[in-house]
Amino acid sequence: MEDAEVSYIVYDNNSVVAEKIFKRINCYKDLLKKGLKELNNEVRYQKIEDKIKTLTPKELDHILDVLEDAVS
């Protein structure tokens, strides 16, 4: 966590055993935001994948054409 500049406190039986505070450069919020965005993208991807499995061959062909154009 220090390499990522994330502040932390480690407790053992209500006693602090380790602590590092990055006051001005704490990157926790940035890392959290990035992680939540990646999680959201995974959920969106899974929903699309599930929907694709229900498409007719004609609908699938159309979607694949659109995707191929978008990533080319």
N, C-alpha and C. Protein backbone atom coordinates (compact mmCIF):
# COMPACT_ATOMS: atom_id res chain seq x y z
N MET A 1 0.82 -1.17 0.00
CA MET A 1 0.00 0.00 0.00
C MET A 1 0.87 1.25 0.00
N GLU A 2 2.04 1.14 0.55
CA GLU A 2 2.92 2.30 0.54
C GLU A 2 3.35 2.65 -0.88
N ASP A 3 3.62 1.64 -1.69
CA ASP A 3 4.01 1.90 -3.08
C ASP A 3 2.90 2.63 -3.83
N ALA A 4 1.65 2.33 -3.50
CA ALA A 4 0.51 2.97 -4.14
C ALA A 4 0.11 4.26 -3.42
N GLU A 5 0.84 4.60 -2.36
CA GLU A 5 0.59 5.81 -1.57
C GLU A 5 -0.83 5.85 -1.01
N VAL A 6 -1.23 4.73 -0.41
CA VAL A 6 -2.54 4.62 0.22
C VAL A 6 -2.32 4.59 1.74
N SER A 7 -2.95 5.50 2.44
CA SER A 7 -2.84 5.54 3.89
C SER A 7 -3.48 4.29 4.49
N TYR A 8 -2.91 3.83 5.62
CA TYR A 8 -3.47 2.66 6.26
C TYR A 8 -3.15 2.65 7.75
N ILE A 9 -3.97 1.90 8.49
CA ILE A 9 -3.73 1.62 9.90
C ILE A 9 -4.05 0.14 10.10
N VAL A 10 -3.13 -0.60 10.72
CA VAL A 10 -3.33 -2.02 10.98
C VAL A 10 -3.51 -2.19 12.49
N TYR A 11 -4.62 -2.84 12.86
CA TYR A 11 -4.93 -3.07 14.26
C TYR A 11 -4.77 -4.54 14.61
N ASP A 12 -4.39 -4.80 15.86
CA ASP A 12 -4.39 -6.14 16.42
C ASP A 12 -4.95 -6.02 17.83
N ASN A 13 -6.14 -6.57 18.04
CA ASN A 13 -6.80 -6.47 19.35
C ASN A 13 -6.88 -5.02 19.84
N ASN A 14 -7.39 -4.17 19.00
CA ASN A 14 -7.60 -2.75 19.31
C ASN A 14 -6.31 -1.96 19.53
N SER A 15 -5.18 -2.54 19.21
CA SER A 15 -3.90 -1.82 19.29
C SER A 15 -3.37 -1.59 17.89
N VAL A 16 -2.87 -0.40 17.64
CA VAL A 16 -2.28 -0.09 16.35
C VAL A 16 -0.91 -0.75 16.27
N VAL A 17 -0.72 -1.59 15.25
CA VAL A 17 0.57 -2.27 15.08
C VAL A 17 1.36 -1.71 13.90
N ALA A 18 0.67 -1.03 13.00
CA ALA A 18 1.36 -0.40 11.87
C ALA A 18 0.48 0.73 11.36
N GLU A 19 1.14 1.79 10.89
CA GLU A 19 0.38 2.94 10.40
C GLU A 19 1.24 3.73 9.43
N LYS A 20 0.62 4.19 8.37
CA LYS A 20 1.28 5.08 7.42
C LYS A 20 0.22 6.02 6.89
N ILE A 21 0.45 7.29 7.03
CA ILE A 21 -0.51 8.30 6.58
C ILE A 21 0.15 9.15 5.50
N PHE A 22 -0.45 9.16 4.34
CA PHE A 22 -0.01 10.00 3.23
C PHE A 22 -0.98 11.18 3.17
N LYS A 23 -0.68 12.23 3.87
CA LYS A 23 -1.63 13.33 4.03
C LYS A 23 -2.03 13.97 2.70
N ARG A 24 -1.12 14.49 2.00
CA ARG A 24 -1.45 15.22 0.77
C ARG A 24 -1.45 14.34 -0.47
N ILE A 25 -0.77 13.23 -0.41
CA ILE A 25 -0.64 12.41 -1.62
C ILE A 25 -1.36 11.07 -1.51
N ASN A 26 -2.28 10.96 -0.56
CA ASN A 26 -3.03 9.72 -0.41
C ASN A 26 -3.82 9.44 -1.69
N CYS A 27 -3.55 8.31 -2.32
CA CYS A 27 -4.16 7.97 -3.61
C CYS A 27 -5.34 7.02 -3.47
N TYR A 28 -5.83 6.79 -2.26
CA TYR A 28 -6.91 5.83 -2.04
C TYR A 28 -8.14 6.15 -2.88
N LYS A 29 -8.56 7.39 -2.88
CA LYS A 29 -9.78 7.75 -3.62
C LYS A 29 -9.61 7.50 -5.11
N ASP A 30 -8.43 7.82 -5.63
CA ASP A 30 -8.18 7.58 -7.06
C ASP A 30 -8.19 6.08 -7.37
N LEU A 31 -7.57 5.28 -6.50
CA LEU A 31 -7.54 3.84 -6.73
C LEU A 31 -8.94 3.24 -6.58
N LEU A 32 -9.70 3.73 -5.62
CA LEU A 32 -11.08 3.26 -5.44
C LEU A 32 -11.91 3.57 -6.67
N LYS A 33 -11.79 4.79 -7.17
CA LYS A 33 -12.55 5.21 -8.35
C LYS A 33 -12.19 4.33 -9.56
N LYS A 34 -10.91 4.08 -9.73
CA LYS A 34 -10.45 3.24 -10.84
C LYS A 34 -10.98 1.81 -10.69
N GLY A 35 -10.92 1.27 -9.48
CA GLY A 35 -11.40 -0.08 -9.24
C GLY A 35 -12.89 -0.21 -9.47
N LEU A 36 -13.66 0.79 -9.02
CA LEU A 36 -15.11 0.76 -9.22
C LEU A 36 -15.46 0.87 -10.70
N LYS A 37 -14.69 1.66 -11.45
CA LYS A 37 -14.92 1.78 -12.89
C LYS A 37 -14.66 0.44 -13.58
N GLU A 38 -13.58 -0.23 -13.19
CA GLU A 38 -13.27 -1.54 -13.77
C GLU A 38 -14.34 -2.56 -13.42
N LEU A 39 -14.82 -2.53 -12.19
CA LEU A 39 -15.89 -3.44 -11.79
C LEU A 39 -17.16 -3.16 -12.58
N ASN A 40 -17.50 -1.90 -12.74
CA ASN A 40 -18.68 -1.52 -13.51
C ASN A 40 -18.55 -2.00 -14.96
N ASN A 41 -17.37 -1.86 -15.54
CA ASN A 41 -17.16 -2.33 -16.91
C ASN A 41 -17.33 -3.84 -17.00
N GLU A 42 -16.87 -4.58 -15.99
CA GLU A 42 -17.03 -6.03 -15.99
C GLU A 42 -18.51 -6.41 -15.93
N VAL A 43 -19.27 -5.70 -15.11
CA VAL A 43 -20.71 -5.97 -15.00
C VAL A 43 -21.39 -5.66 -16.32
N ARG A 44 -21.05 -4.54 -16.94
CA ARG A 44 -21.63 -4.17 -18.23
C ARG A 44 -21.29 -5.21 -19.29
N TYR A 45 -20.04 -5.64 -19.31
CA TYR A 45 -19.59 -6.65 -20.27
C TYR A 45 -20.39 -7.94 -20.09
N GLN A 46 -20.58 -8.36 -18.84
CA GLN A 46 -21.31 -9.61 -18.57
C GLN A 46 -22.76 -9.50 -19.02
N LYS A 47 -23.39 -8.36 -18.81
CA LYS A 47 -24.77 -8.16 -19.26
C LYS A 47 -24.86 -8.25 -20.78
N ILE A 48 -23.90 -7.65 -21.47
CA ILE A 48 -23.89 -7.71 -22.93
C ILE A 48 -23.66 -9.14 -23.41
N GLU A 49 -22.73 -9.83 -22.77
CA GLU A 49 -22.45 -11.21 -23.14
C GLU A 49 -23.69 -12.08 -22.95
N ASP A 50 -24.40 -11.90 -21.84
CA ASP A 50 -25.63 -12.66 -21.60
C ASP A 50 -26.68 -12.36 -22.66
N LYS A 51 -26.81 -11.10 -23.03
CA LYS A 51 -27.79 -10.70 -24.04
C LYS A 51 -27.43 -11.30 -25.40
N ILE A 52 -26.15 -11.30 -25.75
CA ILE A 52 -25.70 -11.83 -27.03
C ILE A 52 -26.10 -13.30 -27.18
N LYS A 53 -26.07 -14.02 -26.09
CA LYS A 53 -26.42 -15.44 -26.13
C LYS A 53 -27.87 -15.67 -26.49
N THR A 54 -28.72 -14.64 -26.36
CA THR A 54 -30.15 -14.79 -26.65
C THR A 54 -30.54 -14.26 -28.02
N LEU A 55 -29.58 -13.71 -28.77
CA LEU A 55 -29.89 -13.11 -30.07
C LEU A 55 -30.15 -14.16 -31.14
N THR A 56 -30.94 -13.77 -32.10
CA THR A 56 -31.13 -14.61 -33.28
C THR A 56 -29.87 -14.52 -34.13
N PRO A 57 -29.66 -15.46 -35.04
CA PRO A 57 -28.48 -15.37 -35.91
C PRO A 57 -28.41 -14.05 -36.68
N LYS A 58 -29.53 -13.54 -37.14
CA LYS A 58 -29.55 -12.28 -37.88
C LYS A 58 -29.15 -11.11 -36.97
N GLU A 59 -29.70 -11.09 -35.76
CA GLU A 59 -29.35 -10.02 -34.80
C GLU A 59 -27.87 -10.10 -34.42
N LEU A 60 -27.39 -11.31 -34.21
CA LEU A 60 -25.98 -11.49 -33.86
C LEU A 60 -25.07 -11.01 -34.98
N ASP A 61 -25.41 -11.32 -36.20
CA ASP A 61 -24.62 -10.88 -37.35
C ASP A 61 -24.55 -9.35 -37.40
N HIS A 62 -25.68 -8.71 -37.16
CA HIS A 62 -25.72 -7.24 -37.15
C HIS A 62 -24.84 -6.67 -36.04
N ILE A 63 -24.96 -7.21 -34.84
CA ILE A 63 -24.17 -6.73 -33.70
C ILE A 63 -22.68 -6.93 -33.96
N LEU A 64 -22.31 -8.08 -34.50
CA LEU A 64 -20.91 -8.33 -34.81
C LEU A 64 -20.37 -7.36 -35.85
N ASP A 65 -21.19 -7.04 -36.85
CA ASP A 65 -20.77 -6.04 -37.85
C ASP A 65 -20.50 -4.70 -37.18
N VAL A 66 -21.41 -4.28 -36.30
CA VAL A 66 -21.25 -3.00 -35.60
C VAL A 66 -20.00 -3.01 -34.73
N LEU A 67 -19.79 -4.09 -34.00
CA LEU A 67 -18.61 -4.19 -33.15
C LEU A 67 -17.31 -4.18 -33.96
N GLU A 68 -17.30 -4.92 -35.05
CA GLU A 68 -16.10 -4.94 -35.89
C GLU A 68 -15.80 -3.57 -36.45
N ASP A 69 -16.82 -2.83 -36.85
CA ASP A 69 -16.61 -1.46 -37.34
C ASP A 69 -16.09 -0.55 -36.23
N ALA A 70 -16.59 -0.74 -35.02
CA ALA A 70 -16.21 0.12 -33.91
C ALA A 70 -14.76 -0.10 -33.47
N VAL A 71 -14.28 -1.32 -33.57
CA VAL A 71 -12.92 -1.61 -33.08
C VAL A 71 -11.87 -1.60 -34.20
N SER A 72 -12.29 -1.36 -35.41
CA SER A 72 -11.33 -1.33 -36.54
C SER A 72 -10.67 0.02 -36.64
